[in-house]
Amino acid sequence: MWSTIANYLFPPVDGYTTAVRDRTRQHVNKQPDVMVKQIQNGTPHLIFMMENERYDLTTSDTAWKDATIELFDYLQIAAMTAPGKLQFGLVAIGRHVRFYQRLPPGNLVDLPGTSGKPYEVSRDRDQIQSILLRIKEATKKK
């Protein structure tokens, strides 16, 4: 579901790529579940990373916390190649998603205007699209 949403709002025709982790090797190859990058002057630039968990964990505070920690770890690793750059991340459990940003030097905070709220894909689709378009705008090459 999330790769479809990402491809719709971040289309390949505009230089975006959406990478989805191979679930068959998930215990061997630790990486974010979804990454969206944009090719700028021949170089891929991270737009956002996403960590996903199963629907049945939606109400688990521990699942949200663990997925957020995992996302933060991936963003920290990515920051080594682009120090000082603002980064965005999403944590989705089932049909709910929360939005974050990593500020230099390494603080992970709720994306301003979201207050850590989990958005539901069907009910909050307009808000989710608006937030993703804000991220897209914030990461455009200036």
N, C-alpha and C. Protein backbone atom coordinates (compact mmCIF):
# COMPACT_ATOMS: atom_id res chain seq x y z
N MET A 1 0.82 -1.19 0.00
CA MET A 1 0.00 0.00 0.00
C MET A 1 0.87 1.26 0.00
N TRP A 2 1.88 1.30 0.88
CA TRP A 2 2.67 2.52 1.01
C TRP A 2 3.53 2.79 -0.22
N SER A 3 4.00 1.74 -0.88
CA SER A 3 4.78 1.98 -2.10
C SER A 3 3.89 2.56 -3.20
N THR A 4 2.63 2.17 -3.23
CA THR A 4 1.70 2.74 -4.21
C THR A 4 1.45 4.21 -3.93
N ILE A 5 1.24 4.55 -2.66
CA ILE A 5 1.05 5.95 -2.27
C ILE A 5 2.30 6.76 -2.62
N ALA A 6 3.48 6.21 -2.29
CA ALA A 6 4.73 6.93 -2.58
C ALA A 6 4.91 7.14 -4.07
N ASN A 7 4.65 6.11 -4.88
CA ASN A 7 4.81 6.26 -6.34
C ASN A 7 3.83 7.25 -6.93
N TYR A 8 2.66 7.37 -6.32
CA TYR A 8 1.66 8.32 -6.81
C TYR A 8 2.11 9.77 -6.54
N LEU A 9 2.59 10.02 -5.33
CA LEU A 9 2.97 11.39 -4.95
C LEU A 9 4.40 11.75 -5.30
N PHE A 10 5.24 10.73 -5.48
CA PHE A 10 6.65 10.93 -5.84
C PHE A 10 6.93 10.09 -7.10
N PRO A 11 6.42 10.54 -8.25
CA PRO A 11 6.46 9.70 -9.46
C PRO A 11 7.85 9.60 -10.09
N PRO A 12 8.16 8.43 -10.65
CA PRO A 12 9.43 8.24 -11.34
C PRO A 12 9.67 9.25 -12.46
N VAL A 13 8.61 9.69 -13.12
CA VAL A 13 8.76 10.65 -14.21
C VAL A 13 9.37 11.97 -13.72
N ASP A 14 9.26 12.24 -12.42
CA ASP A 14 9.86 13.44 -11.83
C ASP A 14 11.20 13.14 -11.17
N GLY A 15 11.76 11.96 -11.44
CA GLY A 15 13.08 11.62 -10.93
C GLY A 15 13.08 10.94 -9.57
N TYR A 16 11.91 10.52 -9.08
CA TYR A 16 11.84 9.85 -7.77
C TYR A 16 11.94 8.34 -7.95
N THR A 17 12.51 7.69 -6.96
CA THR A 17 12.54 6.23 -6.93
C THR A 17 12.01 5.78 -5.58
N THR A 18 11.25 4.71 -5.59
CA THR A 18 10.73 4.12 -4.37
C THR A 18 11.31 2.72 -4.25
N ALA A 19 12.05 2.48 -3.18
CA ALA A 19 12.63 1.16 -2.94
C ALA A 19 11.88 0.51 -1.79
N VAL A 20 11.49 -0.73 -2.00
CA VAL A 20 10.77 -1.50 -0.99
C VAL A 20 11.66 -2.68 -0.59
N ARG A 21 11.81 -2.86 0.71
CA ARG A 21 12.67 -3.93 1.22
C ARG A 21 12.14 -5.29 0.82
N ASP A 22 13.07 -6.18 0.48
CA ASP A 22 12.74 -7.56 0.16
C ASP A 22 12.43 -8.30 1.45
N ARG A 23 11.17 -8.60 1.68
CA ARG A 23 10.74 -9.24 2.93
C ARG A 23 11.26 -10.67 3.10
N THR A 24 11.67 -11.30 2.01
CA THR A 24 12.17 -12.68 2.12
C THR A 24 13.52 -12.73 2.80
N ARG A 25 14.23 -11.60 2.85
CA ARG A 25 15.55 -11.55 3.48
C ARG A 25 15.58 -10.54 4.62
N GLN A 26 14.45 -10.30 5.25
CA GLN A 26 14.36 -9.23 6.22
C GLN A 26 15.22 -9.43 7.47
N HIS A 27 15.54 -10.65 7.83
CA HIS A 27 16.37 -10.86 9.02
C HIS A 27 17.86 -10.81 8.70
N VAL A 28 18.20 -10.92 7.42
CA VAL A 28 19.59 -10.86 6.99
C VAL A 28 19.96 -9.43 6.60
N ASN A 29 19.07 -8.78 5.92
CA ASN A 29 19.35 -7.49 5.30
C ASN A 29 18.54 -6.40 6.01
N LYS A 30 19.05 -5.84 7.11
CA LYS A 30 18.32 -4.83 7.87
C LYS A 30 18.37 -3.50 7.12
N GLN A 31 17.22 -3.02 6.77
CA GLN A 31 17.09 -1.74 6.09
C GLN A 31 15.64 -1.27 6.23
N PRO A 32 15.39 0.02 5.94
CA PRO A 32 14.01 0.51 6.05
C PRO A 32 13.08 -0.26 5.11
N ASP A 33 11.81 -0.30 5.47
CA ASP A 33 10.83 -1.00 4.64
C ASP A 33 10.59 -0.28 3.32
N VAL A 34 10.58 1.04 3.37
CA VAL A 34 10.37 1.85 2.17
C VAL A 34 11.33 3.04 2.22
N MET A 35 11.96 3.34 1.09
CA MET A 35 12.78 4.55 0.96
C MET A 35 12.38 5.25 -0.33
N VAL A 36 12.22 6.55 -0.24
CA VAL A 36 11.97 7.35 -1.43
C VAL A 36 13.15 8.29 -1.60
N LYS A 37 13.71 8.28 -2.79
CA LYS A 37 14.83 9.16 -3.13
C LYS A 37 14.50 9.91 -4.40
N GLN A 38 15.22 11.01 -4.61
CA GLN A 38 15.10 11.74 -5.87
C GLN A 38 16.50 11.91 -6.45
N ILE A 39 16.60 11.68 -7.73
CA ILE A 39 17.86 11.87 -8.42
C ILE A 39 17.99 13.36 -8.74
N GLN A 40 19.03 13.99 -8.19
CA GLN A 40 19.30 15.41 -8.43
C GLN A 40 20.72 15.52 -8.95
N ASN A 41 20.87 16.02 -10.16
CA ASN A 41 22.19 16.12 -10.80
C ASN A 41 22.92 14.79 -10.80
N GLY A 42 22.19 13.70 -11.05
CA GLY A 42 22.79 12.38 -11.14
C GLY A 42 23.04 11.69 -9.81
N THR A 43 22.71 12.35 -8.71
CA THR A 43 22.95 11.79 -7.38
C THR A 43 21.64 11.56 -6.66
N PRO A 44 21.44 10.35 -6.07
CA PRO A 44 20.20 10.12 -5.33
C PRO A 44 20.22 10.84 -3.97
N HIS A 45 19.14 11.53 -3.67
CA HIS A 45 18.99 12.23 -2.40
C HIS A 45 17.78 11.66 -1.66
N LEU A 46 17.98 11.35 -0.39
CA LEU A 46 16.91 10.78 0.42
C LEU A 46 15.78 11.79 0.61
N ILE A 47 14.55 11.35 0.37
CA ILE A 47 13.37 12.15 0.64
C ILE A 47 12.78 11.71 1.97
N PHE A 48 12.50 10.42 2.11
CA PHE A 48 12.09 9.89 3.41
C PHE A 48 12.31 8.39 3.48
N MET A 49 12.37 7.91 4.71
CA MET A 49 12.42 6.47 5.01
C MET A 49 11.16 6.12 5.78
N MET A 50 10.79 4.85 5.68
CA MET A 50 9.58 4.40 6.36
C MET A 50 9.80 3.03 6.97
N GLU A 51 9.32 2.87 8.18
CA GLU A 51 9.33 1.57 8.86
C GLU A 51 7.88 1.13 9.02
N ASN A 52 7.57 -0.09 8.60
CA ASN A 52 6.21 -0.64 8.65
C ASN A 52 6.13 -1.81 9.61
N GLU A 53 4.97 -1.95 10.24
CA GLU A 53 4.69 -3.11 11.08
C GLU A 53 3.29 -3.62 10.73
N ARG A 54 3.00 -4.82 11.20
CA ARG A 54 1.72 -5.48 10.89
C ARG A 54 0.52 -4.75 11.50
N TYR A 55 -0.61 -4.90 10.84
CA TYR A 55 -1.86 -4.28 11.27
C TYR A 55 -2.25 -4.66 12.69
N ASP A 56 -2.03 -5.91 13.07
CA ASP A 56 -2.47 -6.37 14.39
C ASP A 56 -1.70 -5.71 15.53
N LEU A 57 -0.67 -4.93 15.21
CA LEU A 57 0.11 -4.23 16.24
C LEU A 57 -0.31 -2.76 16.39
N THR A 58 -1.36 -2.34 15.70
CA THR A 58 -1.77 -0.94 15.67
C THR A 58 -1.95 -0.34 17.05
N THR A 59 -2.50 -1.09 17.98
CA THR A 59 -2.78 -0.53 19.31
C THR A 59 -1.65 -0.78 20.30
N SER A 60 -0.54 -1.34 19.85
CA SER A 60 0.58 -1.66 20.74
C SER A 60 1.53 -0.47 20.86
N ASP A 61 1.58 0.13 22.04
CA ASP A 61 2.53 1.23 22.27
C ASP A 61 3.96 0.75 22.07
N THR A 62 4.23 -0.47 22.47
CA THR A 62 5.58 -1.03 22.31
C THR A 62 5.95 -1.14 20.83
N ALA A 63 5.02 -1.57 19.99
CA ALA A 63 5.29 -1.68 18.55
C ALA A 63 5.60 -0.31 17.95
N TRP A 64 4.83 0.71 18.34
CA TRP A 64 5.10 2.07 17.84
C TRP A 64 6.48 2.53 18.29
N LYS A 65 6.80 2.29 19.56
CA LYS A 65 8.09 2.72 20.10
C LYS A 65 9.24 1.99 19.40
N ASP A 66 9.14 0.67 19.26
CA ASP A 66 10.20 -0.11 18.63
C ASP A 66 10.40 0.28 17.17
N ALA A 67 9.31 0.49 16.44
CA ALA A 67 9.42 0.87 15.03
C ALA A 67 10.04 2.26 14.89
N THR A 68 9.72 3.16 15.82
CA THR A 68 10.29 4.51 15.79
C THR A 68 11.79 4.46 16.08
N ILE A 69 12.19 3.64 17.02
CA ILE A 69 13.62 3.49 17.31
C ILE A 69 14.36 2.92 16.10
N GLU A 70 13.75 1.94 15.46
CA GLU A 70 14.36 1.35 14.26
C GLU A 70 14.49 2.39 13.15
N LEU A 71 13.45 3.19 12.94
CA LEU A 71 13.51 4.26 11.94
C LEU A 71 14.64 5.23 12.29
N PHE A 72 14.73 5.64 13.55
CA PHE A 72 15.77 6.57 13.97
C PHE A 72 17.16 6.01 13.66
N ASP A 73 17.36 4.72 13.93
CA ASP A 73 18.66 4.10 13.64
C ASP A 73 18.99 4.19 12.15
N TYR A 74 18.01 3.93 11.29
CA TYR A 74 18.24 4.02 9.84
C TYR A 74 18.55 5.46 9.43
N LEU A 75 17.84 6.42 10.01
CA LEU A 75 18.10 7.82 9.68
C LEU A 75 19.49 8.24 10.14
N GLN A 76 19.93 7.74 11.29
CA GLN A 76 21.28 8.05 11.79
C GLN A 76 22.34 7.55 10.82
N ILE A 77 22.15 6.34 10.31
CA ILE A 77 23.10 5.77 9.35
C ILE A 77 23.10 6.62 8.07
N ALA A 78 21.92 6.98 7.59
CA ALA A 78 21.83 7.79 6.37
C ALA A 78 22.46 9.16 6.57
N ALA A 79 22.40 9.68 7.78
CA ALA A 79 22.96 11.01 8.06
C ALA A 79 24.47 11.04 7.89
N MET A 80 25.11 9.91 7.99
CA MET A 80 26.56 9.87 7.82
C MET A 80 26.97 10.28 6.41
N THR A 81 26.10 10.04 5.43
CA THR A 81 26.41 10.41 4.06
C THR A 81 25.94 11.82 3.71
N ALA A 82 25.06 12.38 4.54
CA ALA A 82 24.55 13.74 4.29
C ALA A 82 24.43 14.49 5.62
N PRO A 83 25.57 14.75 6.28
CA PRO A 83 25.50 15.40 7.59
C PRO A 83 24.88 16.79 7.50
N GLY A 84 24.11 17.13 8.52
CA GLY A 84 23.51 18.46 8.57
C GLY A 84 22.24 18.61 7.77
N LYS A 85 21.84 17.58 7.07
CA LYS A 85 20.64 17.65 6.23
C LYS A 85 19.41 17.22 7.02
N LEU A 86 18.32 17.97 6.87
CA LEU A 86 17.05 17.62 7.49
C LEU A 86 16.56 16.32 6.87
N GLN A 87 16.07 15.40 7.71
CA GLN A 87 15.58 14.12 7.22
C GLN A 87 14.15 13.89 7.69
N PHE A 88 13.42 13.13 6.90
CA PHE A 88 12.04 12.81 7.22
C PHE A 88 11.86 11.30 7.33
N GLY A 89 10.95 10.89 8.22
CA GLY A 89 10.69 9.49 8.40
C GLY A 89 9.23 9.25 8.74
N LEU A 90 8.76 8.07 8.39
CA LEU A 90 7.39 7.67 8.67
C LEU A 90 7.42 6.32 9.37
N VAL A 91 6.51 6.14 10.30
CA VAL A 91 6.29 4.84 10.91
C VAL A 91 4.84 4.48 10.65
N ALA A 92 4.63 3.34 10.03
CA ALA A 92 3.27 2.88 9.73
C ALA A 92 3.05 1.53 10.39
N ILE A 93 1.92 1.43 11.05
CA ILE A 93 1.49 0.15 11.58
C ILE A 93 0.09 -0.08 11.02
N GLY A 94 0.02 -1.09 10.16
CA GLY A 94 -1.24 -1.34 9.46
C GLY A 94 -1.60 -0.14 8.60
N ARG A 95 -2.77 0.40 8.83
CA ARG A 95 -3.28 1.52 8.02
C ARG A 95 -3.08 2.87 8.71
N HIS A 96 -2.27 2.89 9.77
CA HIS A 96 -2.00 4.12 10.51
C HIS A 96 -0.55 4.54 10.32
N VAL A 97 -0.31 5.84 10.27
CA VAL A 97 1.04 6.35 10.03
C VAL A 97 1.31 7.58 10.89
N ARG A 98 2.54 7.68 11.35
CA ARG A 98 3.02 8.86 12.08
C ARG A 98 4.20 9.43 11.31
N PHE A 99 4.38 10.74 11.41
CA PHE A 99 5.41 11.44 10.66
C PHE A 99 6.44 12.06 11.60
N TYR A 100 7.72 11.96 11.21
CA TYR A 100 8.82 12.48 12.02
C TYR A 100 9.82 13.23 11.15
N GLN A 101 10.64 14.01 11.82
CA GLN A 101 11.80 14.57 11.15
C GLN A 101 12.99 14.45 12.08
N ARG A 102 14.14 14.25 11.48
CA ARG A 102 15.38 14.18 12.24
C ARG A 102 16.12 15.48 11.99
N LEU A 103 16.35 16.19 13.07
CA LEU A 103 17.05 17.46 12.99
C LEU A 103 18.52 17.26 13.33
N PRO A 104 19.41 17.91 12.61
CA PRO A 104 20.82 17.84 13.02
C PRO A 104 20.94 18.42 14.42
N PRO A 105 21.70 17.87 15.31
CA PRO A 105 22.68 16.80 15.12
C PRO A 105 22.12 15.40 15.32
N GLY A 106 20.81 15.23 15.53
CA GLY A 106 20.31 13.86 15.65
C GLY A 106 19.06 13.70 16.47
N ASN A 107 18.30 14.74 16.63
CA ASN A 107 17.06 14.63 17.40
C ASN A 107 15.92 14.22 16.48
N LEU A 108 15.19 13.17 16.86
CA LEU A 108 14.01 12.75 16.11
C LEU A 108 12.79 13.35 16.80
N VAL A 109 12.04 14.16 16.06
CA VAL A 109 10.87 14.84 16.63
C VAL A 109 9.67 14.61 15.73
N ASP A 110 8.48 14.81 16.29
CA ASP A 110 7.27 14.75 15.46
C ASP A 110 7.37 15.83 14.40
N LEU A 111 6.92 15.52 13.21
CA LEU A 111 6.89 16.53 12.15
C LEU A 111 5.97 17.65 12.61
N PRO A 112 6.43 18.90 12.55
CA PRO A 112 5.58 20.01 12.99
C PRO A 112 4.19 19.95 12.35
N GLY A 113 3.20 20.18 13.19
CA GLY A 113 1.82 20.16 12.73
C GLY A 113 1.15 18.80 12.84
N THR A 114 1.92 17.77 13.24
CA THR A 114 1.32 16.44 13.35
C THR A 114 1.15 15.99 14.80
N SER A 115 1.90 16.54 15.72
CA SER A 115 1.79 16.26 17.16
C SER A 115 1.85 14.77 17.50
N GLY A 116 2.53 13.98 16.69
CA GLY A 116 2.65 12.55 16.98
C GLY A 116 1.38 11.77 16.74
N LYS A 117 0.41 12.40 16.12
CA LYS A 117 -0.88 11.76 15.87
C LYS A 117 -0.74 10.66 14.82
N PRO A 118 -1.35 9.48 15.06
CA PRO A 118 -1.39 8.48 14.00
C PRO A 118 -2.56 8.79 13.05
N TYR A 119 -2.25 8.90 11.78
CA TYR A 119 -3.26 9.18 10.75
C TYR A 119 -3.69 7.86 10.12
N GLU A 120 -4.99 7.70 9.89
CA GLU A 120 -5.53 6.49 9.28
C GLU A 120 -5.71 6.74 7.78
N VAL A 121 -5.24 5.80 6.97
CA VAL A 121 -5.14 6.00 5.52
C VAL A 121 -6.46 6.41 4.86
N SER A 122 -7.54 5.77 5.15
CA SER A 122 -8.82 6.11 4.50
C SER A 122 -9.41 7.39 5.07
N ARG A 123 -9.55 7.42 6.37
CA ARG A 123 -10.20 8.56 7.03
C ARG A 123 -9.41 9.86 6.86
N ASP A 124 -8.08 9.77 6.92
CA ASP A 124 -7.23 10.96 6.91
C ASP A 124 -6.43 11.12 5.62
N ARG A 125 -6.92 10.56 4.52
CA ARG A 125 -6.13 10.54 3.28
C ARG A 125 -5.74 11.93 2.80
N ASP A 126 -6.62 12.92 2.93
CA ASP A 126 -6.27 14.27 2.48
C ASP A 126 -5.16 14.87 3.33
N GLN A 127 -5.21 14.64 4.63
CA GLN A 127 -4.15 15.14 5.52
C GLN A 127 -2.83 14.43 5.24
N ILE A 128 -2.86 13.13 5.03
CA ILE A 128 -1.65 12.37 4.72
C ILE A 128 -1.03 12.88 3.43
N GLN A 129 -1.86 13.07 2.42
CA GLN A 129 -1.34 13.58 1.15
C GLN A 129 -0.73 14.97 1.33
N SER A 130 -1.39 15.81 2.09
CA SER A 130 -0.87 17.15 2.33
C SER A 130 0.48 17.11 3.06
N ILE A 131 0.60 16.24 4.04
CA ILE A 131 1.86 16.12 4.78
C ILE A 131 2.97 15.61 3.86
N LEU A 132 2.68 14.60 3.06
CA LEU A 132 3.68 14.08 2.14
C LEU A 132 4.09 15.13 1.11
N LEU A 133 3.15 15.93 0.66
CA LEU A 133 3.50 17.00 -0.29
C LEU A 133 4.34 18.09 0.38
N ARG A 134 4.13 18.33 1.68
CA ARG A 134 4.98 19.25 2.44
C ARG A 134 6.42 18.72 2.50
N ILE A 135 6.55 17.42 2.73
CA ILE A 135 7.88 16.80 2.74
C ILE A 135 8.52 16.92 1.37
N LYS A 136 7.74 16.68 0.34
CA LYS A 136 8.24 16.79 -1.03
C LYS A 136 8.75 18.20 -1.29
N GLU A 137 7.99 19.19 -0.90
CA GLU A 137 8.38 20.60 -1.10
C GLU A 137 9.64 20.93 -0.31
N ALA A 138 9.72 20.44 0.93
CA ALA A 138 10.88 20.74 1.79
C ALA A 138 12.16 20.10 1.28
N THR A 139 12.06 19.06 0.47
CA THR A 139 13.25 18.37 -0.01
C THR A 139 13.59 18.69 -1.46
N LYS A 140 12.84 19.59 -2.07
CA LYS A 140 13.14 19.98 -3.45
C LYS A 140 14.47 20.68 -3.51
N LYS A 141 15.16 20.44 -4.60
CA LYS A 141 16.43 21.13 -4.81
C LYS A 141 16.17 22.61 -4.96
N LYS A 142 16.87 23.38 -4.18
CA LYS A 142 16.69 24.84 -4.22
C LYS A 142 17.61 25.47 -5.24
